[in-house]
Protein backbone atom coordinates (compact mmCIF):
# COMPACT_ATOMS: atom_id res chain seq x y z
CA MET A 1 1.55 3.99 -8.87
CA SER A 2 -1.91 2.52 -10.12
CA TRP A 3 -5.20 3.46 -8.32
CA PHE A 4 -5.45 -0.29 -7.41
CA GLU A 5 -2.41 -0.08 -5.81
CA VAL A 6 -3.03 3.07 -3.91
CA VAL A 7 -6.30 1.41 -2.50
CA VAL A 8 -4.57 -1.80 -1.46
CA LEU A 9 -1.76 0.03 0.00
CA GLY A 10 -3.89 2.39 1.98
CA LEU A 11 -6.04 -0.75 3.43
CA VAL A 12 -2.72 -2.59 4.45
CA GLN A 13 -1.53 0.74 6.08
CA GLY A 14 -4.80 0.92 7.89
CA LEU A 15 -5.09 -2.62 8.97
CA THR A 16 -1.47 -2.88 10.04
CA GLU A 17 -0.41 0.66 11.57
CA PHE A 18 -1.71 -0.03 15.10
CA LEU A 19 -1.10 -3.84 15.43
CA PRO A 20 2.44 -5.02 16.46
CA ILE A 21 3.23 -6.40 13.20
CA SER A 22 4.98 -3.59 11.32
CA SER A 23 2.94 -1.45 8.85
CA SER A 24 5.97 -0.36 6.87
CA GLY A 25 7.06 -4.14 6.67
CA HIS A 26 3.76 -5.18 5.30
CA LEU A 27 3.69 -2.34 2.74
CA ARG A 28 7.14 -3.48 1.57
CA ILE A 29 6.17 -6.93 1.34
CA VAL A 30 2.66 -6.59 -0.32
CA SER A 31 4.25 -4.11 -2.78
CA GLY A 32 7.19 -6.65 -3.56
CA LEU A 33 4.90 -9.74 -3.97
CA PHE A 34 2.01 -8.34 -5.87
CA PHE A 35 3.10 -5.29 -7.55
CA HIS A 36 6.88 -5.88 -8.00
CA ASN A 37 8.02 -2.55 -6.64
CA ASP A 38 8.82 -0.78 -3.56
CA PRO A 39 6.57 2.01 -2.57
CA GLY A 40 9.32 3.67 -0.55
CA ALA A 41 9.66 5.02 2.79
CA ALA A 42 8.18 8.47 1.85
CA PHE A 43 4.74 6.84 0.70
CA THR A 44 4.82 5.00 3.91
CA ALA A 45 5.24 7.98 6.12
CA VAL A 46 2.68 9.89 4.29
CA THR A 47 0.05 7.35 4.49
CA GLN A 48 0.69 7.01 8.22
CA ILE A 49 -0.94 10.45 8.47
CA GLY A 50 -4.23 8.94 7.92
CA THR A 51 -3.90 6.67 10.60
CA GLU A 52 -2.70 9.26 13.14
CA VAL A 53 -5.66 11.44 12.36
CA ALA A 54 -7.57 8.35 13.40
CA VAL A 55 -5.67 8.44 16.69
CA ILE A 56 -6.44 12.08 17.17
CA VAL A 57 -10.19 11.45 16.76
CA TYR A 58 -10.34 8.51 18.83
CA PHE A 59 -8.41 10.06 21.59
CA ALA A 60 -9.48 13.52 21.16
CA LYS A 61 -10.84 14.11 24.77
CA ASP A 62 -7.25 12.84 26.15
CA ILE A 63 -5.08 14.75 23.69
CA TRP A 64 -7.09 17.94 24.30
CA SER A 65 -6.68 17.46 28.08
CA LEU A 66 -2.92 16.97 27.70
CA ILE A 67 -2.47 20.02 25.47
CA VAL A 68 -4.51 22.27 27.93
CA THR A 69 -2.69 20.74 30.96
CA TRP A 70 0.84 21.28 29.49
CA PHE A 71 0.09 24.79 28.54
CA ARG A 72 -1.22 25.72 32.05
CA GLY A 73 1.72 23.91 33.70
CA LEU A 74 4.17 26.15 31.95
CA ARG A 75 2.77 29.15 33.98
CA ASP A 76 1.29 27.42 37.26
CA PRO A 77 3.63 25.50 39.35
CA GLU A 78 0.68 23.66 40.81
CA VAL A 79 -0.21 21.92 37.81
CA ARG A 80 3.27 20.50 37.21
CA GLY A 81 2.67 17.98 39.83
CA THR A 82 -0.13 16.39 37.95
CA GLN A 83 0.28 13.13 35.95
CA GLU A 84 -1.45 14.81 33.03
CA TYR A 85 1.51 17.43 32.55
CA ARG A 86 4.22 14.94 33.12
CA MET A 87 2.34 12.58 30.30
CA ALA A 88 2.61 15.41 28.03
CA TRP A 89 6.27 15.90 28.65
CA MET A 90 6.80 12.17 28.13
CA VAL A 91 5.26 12.36 24.76
CA ILE A 92 7.37 15.34 23.88
CA ILE A 93 10.58 14.09 25.01
CA GLY A 94 9.78 10.57 23.83
CA THR A 95 9.46 11.87 20.29
CA ILE A 96 12.96 13.38 20.13
CA PRO A 97 14.88 9.91 19.52
CA ILE A 98 12.87 8.96 16.43
CA GLY A 99 13.06 12.39 15.04
CA LEU A 100 16.92 12.87 15.43
CA LEU A 101 17.59 9.43 14.31
CA GLY A 102 14.95 9.70 11.47
CA ILE A 103 16.95 12.71 10.00
CA LEU A 104 20.50 11.37 10.74
CA LEU A 105 19.52 7.98 9.24
CA LYS A 106 17.31 9.15 6.35
CA HIS A 107 19.33 7.64 3.39
CA GLN A 108 19.60 4.17 5.19
CA ILE A 109 16.04 4.13 6.09
CA GLU A 110 15.08 4.79 2.45
CA THR A 111 17.61 2.26 1.07
CA VAL A 112 19.33 -0.59 2.75
CA ALA A 113 16.62 -0.82 5.68
CA ARG A 114 14.04 -1.75 2.98
CA ASN A 115 15.86 -4.99 2.13
CA LEU A 116 13.37 -7.90 2.57
CA TRP A 117 16.00 -10.08 3.94
CA LEU A 118 16.33 -7.64 6.89
CA ILE A 119 12.44 -6.99 7.11
CA ALA A 120 12.02 -10.95 7.34
CA THR A 121 14.55 -11.17 10.16
CA THR A 122 13.19 -8.49 12.02
CA LEU A 123 9.79 -9.66 12.00
CA VAL A 124 10.89 -13.12 13.50
CA VAL A 125 13.41 -11.46 16.19
CA PHE A 126 10.99 -8.90 17.43
CA GLY A 127 8.05 -11.25 17.40
CA ILE A 128 10.18 -13.30 19.76
CA LEU A 129 11.09 -10.53 21.94
CA LEU A 130 7.27 -9.58 22.11
CA GLY A 131 6.39 -13.21 22.96
CA LEU A 132 9.15 -12.93 25.76
CA ALA A 133 7.75 -9.57 27.01
CA GLU A 134 4.32 -11.17 27.24
CA ARG A 135 5.47 -14.01 28.99
CA PHE A 136 7.72 -12.13 31.57
CA GLY A 137 6.53 -8.73 31.87
CA ARG A 138 4.77 -8.25 35.39
CA GLN A 139 1.91 -6.15 33.74
CA GLU A 140 1.06 -4.44 36.94
CA ARG A 141 1.49 -0.79 36.30
CA PRO A 142 -1.50 1.25 34.68
CA ILE A 143 -0.86 4.23 32.40
CA GLU A 144 -1.08 6.63 35.44
CA LYS A 145 2.06 5.18 36.99
CA LEU A 146 4.19 6.09 33.92
CA THR A 147 7.45 7.93 34.74
CA MET A 148 9.54 10.35 32.97
CA LYS A 149 12.16 7.46 32.53
CA ASP A 150 9.56 5.18 31.07
CA GLY A 151 8.79 7.97 28.43
CA ILE A 152 12.29 8.21 27.30
CA VAL A 153 12.83 4.52 27.30
CA LEU A 154 9.76 4.00 25.27
CA GLY A 155 10.78 6.70 22.83
CA PHE A 156 14.00 4.90 22.06
CA ALA A 157 11.74 1.74 21.55
CA GLN A 158 9.65 3.76 19.24
CA ALA A 159 12.72 4.66 17.11
CA MET A 160 13.49 1.15 16.43
CA ALA A 161 10.44 1.37 14.11
CA LEU A 162 12.64 3.14 11.64
CA VAL A 163 13.71 -0.06 10.33
CA PRO A 164 10.62 -1.80 8.71
CA GLY A 165 9.74 -5.11 10.26
CA VAL A 166 10.24 -4.06 13.79
CA SER A 167 6.80 -2.21 14.17
CA ARG A 168 6.41 1.08 16.16
CA SER A 169 3.60 -0.24 18.30
CA GLY A 170 5.39 -3.52 18.43
CA GLY A 171 8.65 -2.02 19.99
CA THR A 172 6.95 0.19 22.30
CA ILE A 173 4.53 -2.45 23.60
CA THR A 174 7.26 -5.05 23.90
CA VAL A 175 9.38 -2.44 25.98
CA GLY A 176 6.48 -1.50 27.88
CA LEU A 177 5.64 -4.96 28.88
CA PHE A 178 9.23 -5.38 29.96
CA LEU A 179 8.98 -2.24 32.18
CA GLY A 180 5.83 -3.63 33.87
CA LEU A 181 3.25 -1.87 32.29
CA GLN A 182 -0.19 -3.35 31.86
CA ARG A 183 -0.92 -4.42 28.33
CA ALA A 184 -3.58 -1.84 27.69
CA ALA A 185 -1.41 0.85 29.16
CA ALA A 186 1.43 0.16 26.89
CA VAL A 187 -0.71 0.03 23.87
CA ARG A 188 -2.57 3.51 24.88
CA PHE A 189 0.93 5.18 25.43
CA SER A 190 2.09 3.77 22.10
CA PHE A 191 -0.73 5.56 20.30
CA LEU A 192 -0.09 9.02 21.94
CA LEU A 193 3.65 8.85 21.51
CA ALA A 194 3.46 8.24 17.92
CA ILE A 195 1.26 11.21 17.03
CA PRO A 196 3.84 14.00 16.84
CA ALA A 197 6.71 11.87 15.32
CA VAL A 198 4.31 10.51 12.61
CA PHE A 199 2.83 13.60 11.47
CA ALA A 200 6.25 15.30 11.26
CA SER A 201 7.62 12.50 9.41
CA GLY A 202 4.44 12.45 6.91
CA LEU A 203 4.89 16.15 6.26
CA PHE A 204 8.70 16.18 6.00
CA THR A 205 8.45 13.47 3.35
CA LEU A 206 5.59 14.60 1.22
CA PRO A 207 7.60 16.34 -1.24
CA ASP A 208 9.59 13.25 -1.77
CA VAL A 209 6.63 10.88 -2.35
CA LEU A 210 5.12 13.22 -4.98
CA LYS A 211 8.27 13.69 -6.92
CA SER A 212 9.81 10.25 -6.61
CA ASP A 213 7.22 7.64 -7.76
CA GLY A 214 4.84 9.58 -9.82
CA THR A 215 2.00 9.35 -7.05
CA THR A 216 -0.38 12.24 -7.75
CA PRO A 217 -1.88 14.33 -4.83
CA ALA A 218 -5.34 12.64 -5.47
CA GLN A 219 -3.99 9.27 -4.97
CA LEU A 220 -2.09 10.26 -1.84
CA VAL A 221 -5.45 11.74 -0.39
CA VAL A 222 -7.43 8.59 -1.10
CA ALA A 223 -4.63 6.40 0.47
CA VAL A 224 -4.46 8.46 3.50
CA VAL A 225 -8.34 8.51 3.88
CA ILE A 226 -8.61 4.92 3.48
CA ALA A 227 -5.83 4.19 5.88
CA GLY A 228 -7.48 6.66 8.49
CA LEU A 229 -11.07 5.08 8.26
CA VAL A 230 -9.72 1.53 8.49
CA GLY A 231 -7.26 2.55 11.20
CA TYR A 232 -9.90 3.99 13.39
CA ALA A 233 -11.72 0.62 13.50
CA VAL A 234 -8.49 -1.19 14.24
CA ILE A 235 -7.80 1.10 17.31
CA ALA A 236 -11.35 0.43 18.74
CA TRP A 237 -10.85 -3.57 18.19
CA LEU A 238 -7.22 -3.62 19.56
CA LEU A 239 -7.88 -1.80 22.70
CA ARG A 240 -10.84 -4.04 23.62
CA PHE A 241 -8.89 -7.07 22.58
CA VAL A 242 -5.63 -6.45 24.66
CA GLU A 243 -7.54 -5.96 27.72
CA LYS A 244 -8.69 -9.62 27.87
CA ASN A 245 -6.42 -11.34 25.49
CA SER A 246 -2.33 -11.96 25.16
CA VAL A 247 -0.40 -10.69 22.24
CA TYR A 248 0.80 -14.24 21.36
CA VAL A 249 -1.66 -14.26 18.22
CA PHE A 250 0.80 -11.45 17.04
CA VAL A 251 3.85 -13.22 18.01
CA ALA A 252 2.81 -16.34 16.18
CA TYR A 253 1.95 -14.37 13.24
CA ARG A 254 5.10 -12.23 12.98
CA ILE A 255 7.27 -15.48 13.28
CA ALA A 256 5.26 -17.25 10.55
CA LEU A 257 5.28 -14.48 8.10
CA GLY A 258 8.99 -13.77 8.59
CA CYS A 259 9.86 -17.35 8.20
CA ALA A 260 7.58 -17.62 5.10
CA LEU A 261 9.28 -14.56 3.58
CA LEU A 262 12.67 -16.12 4.38
CA ALA A 263 11.99 -19.11 2.64
CA ALA A 264 10.66 -17.19 -0.37
CA LEU A 265 13.75 -15.26 -0.56
CA ALA A 266 15.82 -18.24 -0.41
CA ILE A 267 14.27 -20.01 -3.22
CA GLY A 268 14.17 -16.71 -5.35
CA ALA A 269 10.46 -16.50 -5.40
CA VAL A 270 10.56 -12.79 -4.57
CA SER A 271 13.37 -10.24 -4.83
CA ALA A 272 14.84 -8.93 -1.69
CA THR A 273 15.37 -5.25 -3.12
């Protein structure tokens, strides 16, 4: 992998990770169109470490509070009734589906799931679902009203992002809106829910990416740093954006990109594999 490709993919990862448009799908599309290859699921997972570091830095106070409250609750029954203690368990339990499915379906995720026909289709289908969630979701409940049931359901929604094109944030935001969460609440919980899963995935696949595509440790560090810096700026922008605006702009973008990719595949302008 060239240095130029590393920089471009780091930028793409940072720009798209937190938007409901699928970072893994964009990495696959950009690589296929401009570099005529596939960076692989492992490279995608490792670069996501940078964007999750951005989440930790941005939400450091919230995350620290959840960790401290969780440990206190293990020994103090009075703490167990607090929303923060329940929220910590929601993140832990909500991480289980993507972890188990990621291990069980590792081969499929790294092979057939990266076909551009599938990515184009999921961009369109889940774009439509996001639009329906925006239109019909009640958007009444703040993040303080999250329940354990919500955490489990949103955990399975996050697991859908194992298929490139679905979008981890897109899946959780879509389901969160259908559950009646406020838009900002769905986005915020999506960020918190991703931290343990993405870090575990990145560390687990690090050996694979180093030996599979010739990417050097220095290139990985650069890609991770670029993704993290850009991702931090995107977090700040997105949280402000969703407080006052709908997600229809992302719906339109997903559908347009998916249809354009389907057309390009149909005429043979780009290879599906």
